[in-house]
Amino acid sequence: VQLVETGGGLVQPGESLRLSCTASGFMFVNYALGWFRQAPGKEREGVSCVAWTGGTGYVDSVKGRFTVSRDNAKKFVYLQMNSLREEDTAIYYCAAAWGGSDFCSGSNWMTASYQYWGQGTQVTVSS
């Protein structure tokens, strides 16, 4: 089983980045995919979630700026991040959780158990 994130980097406030996560070794279509982040000295937090049906969830701080999507055929999940802020600086991880079509509704996806995790990609937003 493997999840590999790419697309991180250094950008200025207001700019955009697109993170990608490719999956292998498990039945991708049966899993919800989450994006999490951890900033230095802070706890890991859920950023967004996309169920196998495409239903999504977001933490309030990124609503309207970030968009999560998935390609079940290619086994990819994406996080389009626009209008980036310095407080978005963190290591971003993708994770997979066995779940149904409503997995990403509400806020339970933020604290649910995820079976597989990637190694993370650094996003730095700084002027």
C-alpha atoms as a PDB file:
ATOM      1  CA  VAL A   1       0.000   0.000   0.000  1.00  0.00           C
ATOM      2  CA  GLN A   2       1.333   3.403  -0.899  1.00  0.00           C
ATOM      3  CA  LEU A   3       0.129   7.007  -0.952  1.00  0.00           C
ATOM      4  CA  VAL A   4       2.524   9.538  -2.444  1.00  0.00           C
ATOM      5  CA  GLU A   5       1.930  13.287  -2.295  1.00  0.00           C
ATOM      6  CA  THR A   6       3.508  15.759  -4.711  1.00  0.00           C
ATOM      7  CA  GLY A   7       3.089  19.399  -5.581  1.00  0.00           C
ATOM      8  CA  GLY A   8       4.232  21.186  -2.467  1.00  0.00           C
ATOM      9  CA  GLY A   9       6.547  24.157  -2.585  1.00  0.00           C
ATOM     10  CA  LEU A  10       7.215  27.758  -1.626  1.00  0.00           C
ATOM     11  CA  VAL A  11       4.726  30.387  -2.749  1.00  0.00           C
ATOM     12  CA  GLN A  12       3.793  33.931  -1.820  1.00  0.00           C
ATOM     13  CA  PRO A  13       0.542  34.856  -0.097  1.00  0.00           C
ATOM     14  CA  GLY A  14      -2.335  34.959  -2.556  1.00  0.00           C
ATOM     15  CA  GLU A  15      -0.797  32.426  -4.909  1.00  0.00           C
ATOM     16  CA  SER A  16      -1.984  28.901  -5.699  1.00  0.00           C
ATOM     17  CA  LEU A  17      -0.703  25.351  -5.491  1.00  0.00           C
ATOM     18  CA  ARG A  18      -2.146  22.034  -6.557  1.00  0.00           C
ATOM     19  CA  LEU A  19      -1.297  18.985  -4.499  1.00  0.00           C
ATOM     20  CA  SER A  20      -1.632  15.502  -5.947  1.00  0.00           C
ATOM     21  CA  CYS A  21      -1.702  12.145  -4.228  1.00  0.00           C
ATOM     22  CA  THR A  22      -1.402   8.872  -6.069  1.00  0.00           C
ATOM     23  CA  ALA A  23      -2.504   5.602  -4.513  1.00  0.00           C
ATOM     24  CA  SER A  24      -1.564   1.987  -5.040  1.00  0.00           C
ATOM     25  CA  GLY A  25      -1.996  -1.350  -3.342  1.00  0.00           C
ATOM     26  CA  PHE A  26      -5.608  -1.054  -2.216  1.00  0.00           C
ATOM     27  CA  MET A  27      -9.097  -0.766  -3.698  1.00  0.00           C
ATOM     28  CA  PHE A  28      -9.035   2.999  -4.182  1.00  0.00           C
ATOM     29  CA  VAL A  29     -12.672   3.320  -5.187  1.00  0.00           C
ATOM     30  CA  ASN A  30     -13.865   1.926  -1.843  1.00  0.00           C
ATOM     31  CA  TYR A  31     -12.063   4.524   0.218  1.00  0.00           C
ATOM     32  CA  ALA A  32     -12.635   8.119   1.186  1.00  0.00           C
ATOM     33  CA  LEU A  33      -9.566  10.297   0.770  1.00  0.00           C
ATOM     34  CA  GLY A  34      -8.626  12.994   3.217  1.00  0.00           C
ATOM     35  CA  TRP A  35      -6.078  15.796   3.230  1.00  0.00           C
ATOM     36  CA  PHE A  36      -4.526  16.707   6.557  1.00  0.00           C
ATOM     37  CA  ARG A  37      -1.849  19.182   7.555  1.00  0.00           C
ATOM     38  CA  GLN A  38       0.485  19.744  10.433  1.00  0.00           C
ATOM     39  CA  ALA A  39       2.274  22.987  11.115  1.00  0.00           C
ATOM     40  CA  PRO A  40       5.313  23.224  13.415  1.00  0.00           C
ATOM     41  CA  GLY A  41       4.248  23.085  17.035  1.00  0.00           C
ATOM     42  CA  LYS A  42       0.617  22.399  16.179  1.00  0.00           C
ATOM     43  CA  GLU A  43      -1.578  19.344  16.085  1.00  0.00           C
ATOM     44  CA  ARG A  44      -2.496  17.706  12.833  1.00  0.00           C
ATOM     45  CA  GLU A  45      -5.798  18.947  11.454  1.00  0.00           C
ATOM     46  CA  GLY A  46      -8.165  17.763   8.790  1.00  0.00           C
ATOM     47  CA  VAL A  47      -8.276  20.018   5.746  1.00  0.00           C
ATOM     48  CA  SER A  48     -10.619  18.310   3.318  1.00  0.00           C
ATOM     49  CA  CYS A  49     -12.208  15.012   2.424  1.00  0.00           C
ATOM     50  CA  VAL A  50     -13.685  13.425  -0.681  1.00  0.00           C
ATOM     51  CA  ALA A  51     -15.836  10.293  -0.601  1.00  0.00           C
ATOM     52  CA  TRP A  52     -15.808   7.687  -3.339  1.00  0.00           C
ATOM     53  CA  THR A  53     -18.970   9.264  -4.761  1.00  0.00           C
ATOM     54  CA  GLY A  54     -17.364  12.714  -4.851  1.00  0.00           C
ATOM     55  CA  GLY A  55     -19.033  14.155  -1.767  1.00  0.00           C
ATOM     56  CA  THR A  56     -16.705  16.587  -0.028  1.00  0.00           C
ATOM     57  CA  GLY A  57     -15.976  18.194   3.303  1.00  0.00           C
ATOM     58  CA  TYR A  58     -13.721  21.070   4.329  1.00  0.00           C
ATOM     59  CA  VAL A  59     -12.437  22.659   7.479  1.00  0.00           C
ATOM     60  CA  ASP A  60     -13.900  26.148   7.849  1.00  0.00           C
ATOM     61  CA  SER A  61     -10.582  27.938   7.385  1.00  0.00           C
ATOM     62  CA  VAL A  62     -10.191  26.711   3.793  1.00  0.00           C
ATOM     63  CA  LYS A  63     -13.775  26.826   2.547  1.00  0.00           C
ATOM     64  CA  GLY A  64     -14.004  28.869  -0.633  1.00  0.00           C
ATOM     65  CA  ARG A  65     -10.244  28.673  -1.198  1.00  0.00           C
ATOM     66  CA  PHE A  66      -9.445  24.951  -1.453  1.00  0.00           C
ATOM     67  CA  THR A  67     -11.081  22.360  -3.686  1.00  0.00           C
ATOM     68  CA  VAL A  68     -10.641  18.607  -3.331  1.00  0.00           C
ATOM     69  CA  SER A  69     -11.283  16.173  -6.162  1.00  0.00           C
ATOM     70  CA  ARG A  70     -10.479  12.626  -7.126  1.00  0.00           C
ATOM     71  CA  ASP A  71     -10.005  10.539 -10.245  1.00  0.00           C
ATOM     72  CA  ASN A  72     -11.009   6.975  -9.434  1.00  0.00           C
ATOM     73  CA  ALA A  73      -9.772   5.629 -12.751  1.00  0.00           C
ATOM     74  CA  LYS A  74      -6.282   7.055 -12.301  1.00  0.00           C
ATOM     75  CA  LYS A  75      -6.263   6.580  -8.490  1.00  0.00           C
ATOM     76  CA  PHE A  76      -5.424  10.201  -7.808  1.00  0.00           C
ATOM     77  CA  VAL A  77      -6.747  12.721  -5.327  1.00  0.00           C
ATOM     78  CA  TYR A  78      -6.068  16.428  -5.737  1.00  0.00           C
ATOM     79  CA  LEU A  79      -6.165  19.501  -3.542  1.00  0.00           C
ATOM     80  CA  GLN A  80      -6.360  22.800  -5.410  1.00  0.00           C
ATOM     81  CA  MET A  81      -5.303  25.545  -3.021  1.00  0.00           C
ATOM     82  CA  ASN A  82      -6.014  29.137  -4.016  1.00  0.00           C
ATOM     83  CA  SER A  83      -5.529  32.421  -2.181  1.00  0.00           C
ATOM     84  CA  LEU A  84      -2.927  30.827   0.037  1.00  0.00           C
ATOM     85  CA  ARG A  85      -2.139  32.458   3.366  1.00  0.00           C
ATOM     86  CA  GLU A  86       0.892  32.239   5.598  1.00  0.00           C
ATOM     87  CA  GLU A  87      -1.178  30.244   8.090  1.00  0.00           C
ATOM     88  CA  ASP A  88      -1.590  27.518   5.458  1.00  0.00           C
ATOM     89  CA  THR A  89       2.088  26.687   5.852  1.00  0.00           C
ATOM     90  CA  ALA A  90       2.375  23.047   6.932  1.00  0.00           C
ATOM     91  CA  ILE A  91       3.217  19.557   5.859  1.00  0.00           C
ATOM     92  CA  TYR A  92       0.233  18.215   3.943  1.00  0.00           C
ATOM     93  CA  TYR A  93      -0.678  14.545   4.043  1.00  0.00           C
ATOM     94  CA  CYS A  94      -3.197  12.497   2.139  1.00  0.00           C
ATOM     95  CA  ALA A  95      -4.874   9.574   3.830  1.00  0.00           C
ATOM     96  CA  ALA A  96      -7.354   6.849   2.935  1.00  0.00           C
ATOM     97  CA  ALA A  97     -10.256   5.606   5.031  1.00  0.00           C
ATOM     98  CA  TRP A  98     -12.724   2.819   4.373  1.00  0.00           C
ATOM     99  CA  GLY A  99     -16.039   4.614   4.215  1.00  0.00           C
ATOM    100  CA  GLY A 100     -19.372   5.064   2.509  1.00  0.00           C
ATOM    101  CA  SER A 101     -20.809   7.777   0.340  1.00  0.00           C
ATOM    102  CA  ASP A 102     -21.548  10.019   3.340  1.00  0.00           C
ATOM    103  CA  PHE A 103     -18.128   9.661   4.980  1.00  0.00           C
ATOM    104  CA  CYS A 104     -17.156  13.259   4.270  1.00  0.00           C
ATOM    105  CA  SER A 105     -20.406  14.888   5.388  1.00  0.00           C
ATOM    106  CA  GLY A 106     -20.448  16.734   8.686  1.00  0.00           C
ATOM    107  CA  SER A 107     -17.199  16.875  10.637  1.00  0.00           C
ATOM    108  CA  ASN A 108     -16.630  13.258  11.684  1.00  0.00           C
ATOM    109  CA  TRP A 109     -14.158  12.739   8.840  1.00  0.00           C
ATOM    110  CA  MET A 110     -11.684  14.992  10.661  1.00  0.00           C
ATOM    111  CA  THR A 111     -11.311  12.553  13.563  1.00  0.00           C
ATOM    112  CA  ALA A 112     -12.159   9.260  11.907  1.00  0.00           C
ATOM    113  CA  SER A 113      -9.656   6.444  11.604  1.00  0.00           C
ATOM    114  CA  TYR A 114      -7.662   6.457   8.370  1.00  0.00           C
ATOM    115  CA  GLN A 115      -5.981   3.205   7.419  1.00  0.00           C
ATOM    116  CA  TYR A 116      -3.304   4.508   5.066  1.00  0.00           C
ATOM    117  CA  TRP A 117      -1.171   7.648   5.085  1.00  0.00           C
ATOM    118  CA  GLY A 118       1.294   9.273   2.738  1.00  0.00           C
ATOM    119  CA  GLN A 119       4.662  10.685   3.727  1.00  0.00           C
ATOM    120  CA  GLY A 120       3.638  14.316   3.299  1.00  0.00           C
ATOM    121  CA  THR A 121       4.637  17.281   1.171  1.00  0.00           C
ATOM    122  CA  GLN A 122       5.762  20.665   2.489  1.00  0.00           C
ATOM    123  CA  VAL A 123       3.763  23.770   1.645  1.00  0.00           C
ATOM    124  CA  THR A 124       5.313  27.075   2.627  1.00  0.00           C
ATOM    125  CA  VAL A 125       3.527  30.369   2.112  1.00  0.00           C
ATOM    126  CA  SER A 126       5.777  33.327   2.747  1.00  0.00           C
ATOM    127  CA  SER A 127       6.507  36.751   1.357  1.00  0.00           C
END
